[in-house]
Amino acid sequence: MRKSIWALMALVSTSALAGEYVKPNGLLTLQPRHDGAEFSINAAYDASGVCNMEGNAEPIPPNKKQRNRWVFDDQSSQCMAVFSENMDRTINVTTKGCEAYCGMSAIGAMDGLYKNK
């Protein structure tokens, strides 16, 4: 019985928190699931360009200083996004080849550190 309680507590303490995360000119909504994470990103670069992307990201092993990590690989383009949940519950987003979601004036606008809202 005690082992079951400890296992449940460990699972709860390592699972990602669902919710909204923000950075200057950006909003990330993240909903972790048992098979990955559903996400939506809306970001802007100054007032000239806007990025919108949503989908389901697959879980991948986290690095040492991360709680969780997911990858989104758009099969219809070269877009790849990595979502890394840090120990302090912030989410670092890194994208590559996602110009189709943004337009040329907003490339890189989705990247950065998002904090829990």
N, C-alpha and C. Protein backbone atom coordinates (compact mmCIF):
# COMPACT_ATOMS: atom_id res chain seq x y z
N MET A 1 0.82 -1.19 0.00
CA MET A 1 0.00 0.00 0.00
C MET A 1 0.87 1.26 0.00
N ARG A 2 1.90 1.27 0.86
CA ARG A 2 2.77 2.44 0.93
C ARG A 2 3.49 2.69 -0.39
N LYS A 3 3.92 1.61 -1.05
CA LYS A 3 4.60 1.75 -2.33
C LYS A 3 3.68 2.37 -3.37
N SER A 4 2.41 1.99 -3.36
CA SER A 4 1.44 2.54 -4.30
C SER A 4 1.26 4.04 -4.07
N ILE A 5 1.18 4.44 -2.83
CA ILE A 5 1.01 5.86 -2.51
C ILE A 5 2.22 6.66 -2.96
N TRP A 6 3.42 6.14 -2.70
CA TRP A 6 4.64 6.85 -3.12
C TRP A 6 4.74 6.94 -4.63
N ALA A 7 4.36 5.87 -5.31
CA ALA A 7 4.39 5.87 -6.79
C ALA A 7 3.41 6.90 -7.33
N LEU A 8 2.22 6.98 -6.75
CA LEU A 8 1.24 7.97 -7.18
C LEU A 8 1.73 9.39 -6.92
N MET A 9 2.33 9.62 -5.77
CA MET A 9 2.86 10.95 -5.45
C MET A 9 3.98 11.33 -6.41
N ALA A 10 4.83 10.40 -6.77
CA ALA A 10 5.92 10.68 -7.71
C ALA A 10 5.35 11.03 -9.08
N LEU A 11 4.33 10.31 -9.52
CA LEU A 11 3.71 10.58 -10.81
C LEU A 11 3.07 11.96 -10.83
N VAL A 12 2.34 12.31 -9.78
CA VAL A 12 1.69 13.62 -9.71
C VAL A 12 2.72 14.74 -9.68
N SER A 13 3.82 14.57 -8.98
CA SER A 13 4.81 15.64 -8.85
C SER A 13 5.62 15.84 -10.11
N THR A 14 5.69 14.83 -11.00
CA THR A 14 6.47 14.98 -12.22
C THR A 14 5.63 15.32 -13.44
N SER A 15 4.32 15.24 -13.34
CA SER A 15 3.49 15.53 -14.50
C SER A 15 3.41 17.04 -14.72
N ALA A 16 3.27 17.40 -15.98
CA ALA A 16 3.22 18.81 -16.35
C ALA A 16 1.89 19.42 -15.93
N LEU A 17 1.92 20.69 -15.68
CA LEU A 17 0.71 21.41 -15.36
C LEU A 17 0.06 21.92 -16.63
N ALA A 18 -1.21 21.63 -16.80
CA ALA A 18 -1.95 22.15 -17.94
C ALA A 18 -2.24 23.63 -17.67
N GLY A 19 -2.28 24.40 -18.73
CA GLY A 19 -2.64 25.79 -18.55
C GLY A 19 -2.09 26.69 -19.61
N GLU A 20 -2.11 27.98 -19.30
CA GLU A 20 -1.62 29.01 -20.21
C GLU A 20 -0.30 29.54 -19.72
N TYR A 21 0.60 29.73 -20.66
CA TYR A 21 1.94 30.25 -20.39
C TYR A 21 2.15 31.46 -21.29
N VAL A 22 2.83 32.48 -20.78
CA VAL A 22 3.00 33.71 -21.54
C VAL A 22 4.46 34.14 -21.60
N LYS A 23 4.75 34.90 -22.64
CA LYS A 23 6.01 35.62 -22.79
C LYS A 23 5.64 36.91 -23.50
N PRO A 24 6.54 37.88 -23.56
CA PRO A 24 6.19 39.11 -24.29
C PRO A 24 5.76 38.76 -25.73
N ASN A 25 4.60 39.19 -26.10
CA ASN A 25 4.03 38.97 -27.43
C ASN A 25 3.74 37.51 -27.75
N GLY A 26 3.50 36.68 -26.72
CA GLY A 26 3.22 35.28 -26.99
C GLY A 26 2.36 34.61 -25.94
N LEU A 27 1.53 33.67 -26.38
CA LEU A 27 0.68 32.88 -25.49
C LEU A 27 0.76 31.42 -25.93
N LEU A 28 1.05 30.53 -24.99
CA LEU A 28 1.11 29.09 -25.21
C LEU A 28 0.07 28.44 -24.31
N THR A 29 -0.79 27.63 -24.91
CA THR A 29 -1.73 26.81 -24.14
C THR A 29 -1.25 25.38 -24.27
N LEU A 30 -1.10 24.71 -23.13
CA LEU A 30 -0.56 23.35 -23.11
C LEU A 30 -1.46 22.45 -22.29
N GLN A 31 -1.84 21.31 -22.88
CA GLN A 31 -2.68 20.33 -22.20
C GLN A 31 -2.00 18.96 -22.29
N PRO A 32 -1.19 18.61 -21.29
CA PRO A 32 -0.53 17.29 -21.32
C PRO A 32 -1.56 16.16 -21.27
N ARG A 33 -1.25 15.10 -21.99
CA ARG A 33 -2.08 13.91 -22.03
C ARG A 33 -1.15 12.71 -21.81
N HIS A 34 -1.73 11.54 -21.61
CA HIS A 34 -0.90 10.35 -21.36
C HIS A 34 -0.04 10.00 -22.58
N ASP A 35 -0.47 10.40 -23.78
CA ASP A 35 0.27 10.06 -24.99
C ASP A 35 0.95 11.27 -25.64
N GLY A 36 1.09 12.37 -24.91
CA GLY A 36 1.74 13.56 -25.45
C GLY A 36 1.15 14.83 -24.85
N ALA A 37 1.10 15.87 -25.67
CA ALA A 37 0.56 17.15 -25.20
C ALA A 37 -0.11 17.87 -26.36
N GLU A 38 -1.29 18.37 -26.10
CA GLU A 38 -2.00 19.21 -27.06
C GLU A 38 -1.57 20.64 -26.79
N PHE A 39 -1.28 21.41 -27.85
CA PHE A 39 -0.78 22.76 -27.67
C PHE A 39 -1.38 23.73 -28.68
N SER A 40 -1.28 24.99 -28.34
CA SER A 40 -1.65 26.09 -29.23
C SER A 40 -0.73 27.25 -28.90
N ILE A 41 -0.13 27.84 -29.94
CA ILE A 41 0.75 28.99 -29.75
C ILE A 41 0.24 30.14 -30.62
N ASN A 42 0.16 31.31 -30.02
CA ASN A 42 -0.12 32.55 -30.73
C ASN A 42 0.97 33.52 -30.33
N ALA A 43 1.73 33.99 -31.31
CA ALA A 43 2.84 34.89 -31.01
C ALA A 43 2.96 35.94 -32.10
N ALA A 44 3.56 37.05 -31.76
CA ALA A 44 3.75 38.14 -32.71
C ALA A 44 5.17 38.67 -32.62
N TYR A 45 5.62 39.22 -33.71
CA TYR A 45 6.92 39.89 -33.73
C TYR A 45 6.64 41.35 -34.03
N ASP A 46 6.84 42.21 -33.05
CA ASP A 46 6.44 43.62 -33.14
C ASP A 46 4.97 43.66 -33.56
N ALA A 47 4.63 44.52 -34.47
CA ALA A 47 3.25 44.58 -34.95
C ALA A 47 3.15 44.09 -36.38
N SER A 48 4.27 43.61 -36.92
CA SER A 48 4.31 43.30 -38.34
C SER A 48 3.96 41.86 -38.71
N GLY A 49 4.06 40.93 -37.79
CA GLY A 49 3.80 39.54 -38.15
C GLY A 49 3.24 38.75 -37.01
N VAL A 50 2.40 37.78 -37.33
CA VAL A 50 1.75 36.95 -36.33
C VAL A 50 1.97 35.48 -36.68
N CYS A 51 2.14 34.66 -35.63
CA CYS A 51 2.28 33.20 -35.79
C CYS A 51 1.14 32.52 -35.04
N ASN A 52 0.59 31.50 -35.65
CA ASN A 52 -0.43 30.67 -35.02
C ASN A 52 -0.15 29.22 -35.38
N MET A 53 -0.02 28.39 -34.35
CA MET A 53 0.24 26.97 -34.59
C MET A 53 -0.44 26.18 -33.48
N GLU A 54 -1.00 25.04 -33.84
CA GLU A 54 -1.59 24.15 -32.85
C GLU A 54 -1.44 22.72 -33.32
N GLY A 55 -1.50 21.81 -32.37
CA GLY A 55 -1.37 20.41 -32.73
C GLY A 55 -1.14 19.54 -31.52
N ASN A 56 -0.66 18.34 -31.77
CA ASN A 56 -0.33 17.37 -30.73
C ASN A 56 1.15 17.05 -30.81
N ALA A 57 1.82 17.15 -29.69
CA ALA A 57 3.25 16.88 -29.61
C ALA A 57 3.47 15.54 -28.90
N GLU A 58 4.44 14.79 -29.40
CA GLU A 58 4.79 13.48 -28.84
C GLU A 58 5.80 13.64 -27.71
N PRO A 59 5.71 12.81 -26.67
CA PRO A 59 6.69 12.89 -25.58
C PRO A 59 8.05 12.35 -26.03
N ILE A 60 9.10 13.00 -25.56
CA ILE A 60 10.48 12.52 -25.75
C ILE A 60 11.19 12.63 -24.41
N PRO A 61 12.28 11.91 -24.20
CA PRO A 61 12.96 11.95 -22.90
C PRO A 61 13.47 13.36 -22.58
N PRO A 62 13.23 13.83 -21.36
CA PRO A 62 13.73 15.15 -20.96
C PRO A 62 15.22 15.12 -20.66
N ASN A 63 15.85 16.30 -20.74
CA ASN A 63 17.24 16.44 -20.31
C ASN A 63 17.28 16.49 -18.79
N LYS A 64 18.47 16.55 -18.22
CA LYS A 64 18.64 16.51 -16.77
C LYS A 64 17.89 17.61 -16.03
N LYS A 65 17.85 18.81 -16.57
CA LYS A 65 17.23 19.93 -15.86
C LYS A 65 15.81 20.20 -16.33
N GLN A 66 15.16 19.18 -16.89
CA GLN A 66 13.80 19.33 -17.39
C GLN A 66 12.88 18.31 -16.73
N ARG A 67 11.62 18.69 -16.60
CA ARG A 67 10.61 17.78 -16.06
C ARG A 67 10.01 16.93 -17.18
N ASN A 68 9.68 17.57 -18.31
CA ASN A 68 9.05 16.90 -19.44
C ASN A 68 9.53 17.55 -20.72
N ARG A 69 9.35 16.81 -21.83
CA ARG A 69 9.70 17.38 -23.13
C ARG A 69 8.85 16.69 -24.20
N TRP A 70 8.38 17.50 -25.16
CA TRP A 70 7.56 17.00 -26.24
C TRP A 70 8.07 17.58 -27.55
N VAL A 71 7.80 16.86 -28.66
CA VAL A 71 8.20 17.34 -29.97
C VAL A 71 6.99 17.28 -30.91
N PHE A 72 6.81 18.34 -31.69
CA PHE A 72 5.79 18.41 -32.73
C PHE A 72 6.52 18.37 -34.07
N ASP A 73 6.17 17.41 -34.90
CA ASP A 73 6.79 17.26 -36.21
C ASP A 73 5.68 17.27 -37.24
N ASP A 74 5.53 18.39 -37.95
CA ASP A 74 4.49 18.54 -38.95
C ASP A 74 4.90 17.75 -40.20
N GLN A 75 4.19 16.69 -40.48
CA GLN A 75 4.50 15.82 -41.61
C GLN A 75 4.28 16.49 -42.97
N SER A 76 3.47 17.56 -43.01
CA SER A 76 3.18 18.23 -44.28
C SER A 76 4.15 19.37 -44.59
N SER A 77 5.06 19.66 -43.68
CA SER A 77 6.06 20.71 -43.91
C SER A 77 7.35 20.31 -43.18
N GLN A 78 8.30 21.21 -43.14
CA GLN A 78 9.55 20.94 -42.44
C GLN A 78 9.52 21.45 -41.01
N CYS A 79 8.37 21.88 -40.54
CA CYS A 79 8.25 22.48 -39.21
C CYS A 79 8.43 21.45 -38.10
N MET A 80 9.27 21.82 -37.13
CA MET A 80 9.47 21.02 -35.93
C MET A 80 9.52 21.97 -34.74
N ALA A 81 8.82 21.61 -33.68
CA ALA A 81 8.81 22.42 -32.46
C ALA A 81 9.09 21.51 -31.26
N VAL A 82 9.93 21.99 -30.35
CA VAL A 82 10.24 21.26 -29.12
C VAL A 82 9.76 22.09 -27.95
N PHE A 83 9.01 21.46 -27.06
CA PHE A 83 8.47 22.08 -25.86
C PHE A 83 9.16 21.42 -24.67
N SER A 84 9.93 22.19 -23.91
CA SER A 84 10.68 21.66 -22.77
C SER A 84 10.17 22.29 -21.50
N GLU A 85 9.62 21.46 -20.61
CA GLU A 85 9.17 21.96 -19.31
C GLU A 85 10.35 21.90 -18.35
N ASN A 86 10.76 23.05 -17.85
CA ASN A 86 11.88 23.14 -16.92
C ASN A 86 11.44 22.80 -15.50
N MET A 87 12.38 22.60 -14.62
CA MET A 87 12.07 22.26 -13.23
C MET A 87 11.25 23.34 -12.54
N ASP A 88 11.40 24.60 -12.97
CA ASP A 88 10.64 25.69 -12.35
C ASP A 88 9.27 25.89 -13.00
N ARG A 89 8.85 24.92 -13.81
CA ARG A 89 7.54 24.89 -14.47
C ARG A 89 7.40 25.91 -15.61
N THR A 90 8.49 26.51 -16.05
CA THR A 90 8.44 27.32 -17.26
C THR A 90 8.57 26.39 -18.46
N ILE A 91 8.15 26.88 -19.62
CA ILE A 91 8.21 26.08 -20.84
C ILE A 91 9.09 26.81 -21.85
N ASN A 92 10.12 26.14 -22.33
CA ASN A 92 10.97 26.70 -23.37
C ASN A 92 10.52 26.11 -24.71
N VAL A 93 10.26 26.98 -25.68
CA VAL A 93 9.82 26.55 -27.00
C VAL A 93 10.91 26.88 -28.01
N THR A 94 11.26 25.90 -28.83
CA THR A 94 12.23 26.07 -29.90
C THR A 94 11.60 25.53 -31.18
N THR A 95 11.59 26.36 -32.22
CA THR A 95 11.01 25.92 -33.49
C THR A 95 12.07 25.97 -34.60
N LYS A 96 11.80 25.18 -35.65
CA LYS A 96 12.68 25.18 -36.81
C LYS A 96 11.84 24.88 -38.04
N GLY A 97 11.98 25.71 -39.07
CA GLY A 97 11.27 25.48 -40.32
C GLY A 97 9.78 25.74 -40.26
N CYS A 98 9.32 26.59 -39.37
CA CYS A 98 7.89 26.83 -39.19
C CYS A 98 7.41 28.12 -39.84
N GLU A 99 8.07 28.56 -40.89
CA GLU A 99 7.72 29.79 -41.57
C GLU A 99 6.27 29.79 -42.07
N ALA A 100 5.75 28.64 -42.46
CA ALA A 100 4.39 28.55 -42.99
C ALA A 100 3.35 28.94 -41.94
N TYR A 101 3.69 28.84 -40.68
CA TYR A 101 2.77 29.21 -39.61
C TYR A 101 2.86 30.69 -39.26
N CYS A 102 3.88 31.37 -39.79
CA CYS A 102 4.14 32.74 -39.37
C CYS A 102 4.18 33.75 -40.50
N GLY A 103 4.77 33.43 -41.56
CA GLY A 103 5.11 34.45 -42.54
C GLY A 103 6.53 34.93 -42.24
N MET A 104 7.19 35.45 -43.23
CA MET A 104 8.61 35.80 -43.12
C MET A 104 8.91 36.86 -42.06
N SER A 105 7.97 37.76 -41.81
CA SER A 105 8.26 38.84 -40.87
C SER A 105 8.16 38.41 -39.40
N ALA A 106 7.72 37.19 -39.14
CA ALA A 106 7.55 36.75 -37.76
C ALA A 106 8.33 35.48 -37.44
N ILE A 107 9.29 35.12 -38.27
CA ILE A 107 10.08 33.91 -38.02
C ILE A 107 10.75 34.01 -36.65
N GLY A 108 10.60 32.97 -35.86
CA GLY A 108 11.21 32.94 -34.53
C GLY A 108 10.35 33.53 -33.43
N ALA A 109 9.19 34.09 -33.78
CA ALA A 109 8.35 34.74 -32.77
C ALA A 109 7.80 33.76 -31.74
N MET A 110 7.64 32.50 -32.10
CA MET A 110 7.11 31.51 -31.16
C MET A 110 8.17 31.03 -30.18
N ASP A 111 9.44 31.16 -30.53
CA ASP A 111 10.53 30.68 -29.69
C ASP A 111 10.66 31.51 -28.41
N GLY A 112 11.09 30.86 -27.35
CA GLY A 112 11.38 31.59 -26.13
C GLY A 112 10.87 30.88 -24.88
N LEU A 113 11.02 31.57 -23.77
CA LEU A 113 10.65 31.05 -22.47
C LEU A 113 9.26 31.57 -22.07
N TYR A 114 8.34 30.66 -21.84
CA TYR A 114 6.97 30.98 -21.46
C TYR A 114 6.81 30.68 -19.98
N LYS A 115 6.21 31.61 -19.26
CA LYS A 115 5.97 31.44 -17.82
C LYS A 115 4.51 31.19 -17.57
N ASN A 116 4.21 30.43 -16.52
CA ASN A 116 2.83 30.13 -16.16
C ASN A 116 2.08 31.42 -15.90
N LYS A 117 0.92 31.54 -16.51
CA LYS A 117 0.12 32.76 -16.43
C LYS A 117 -0.47 32.98 -15.06
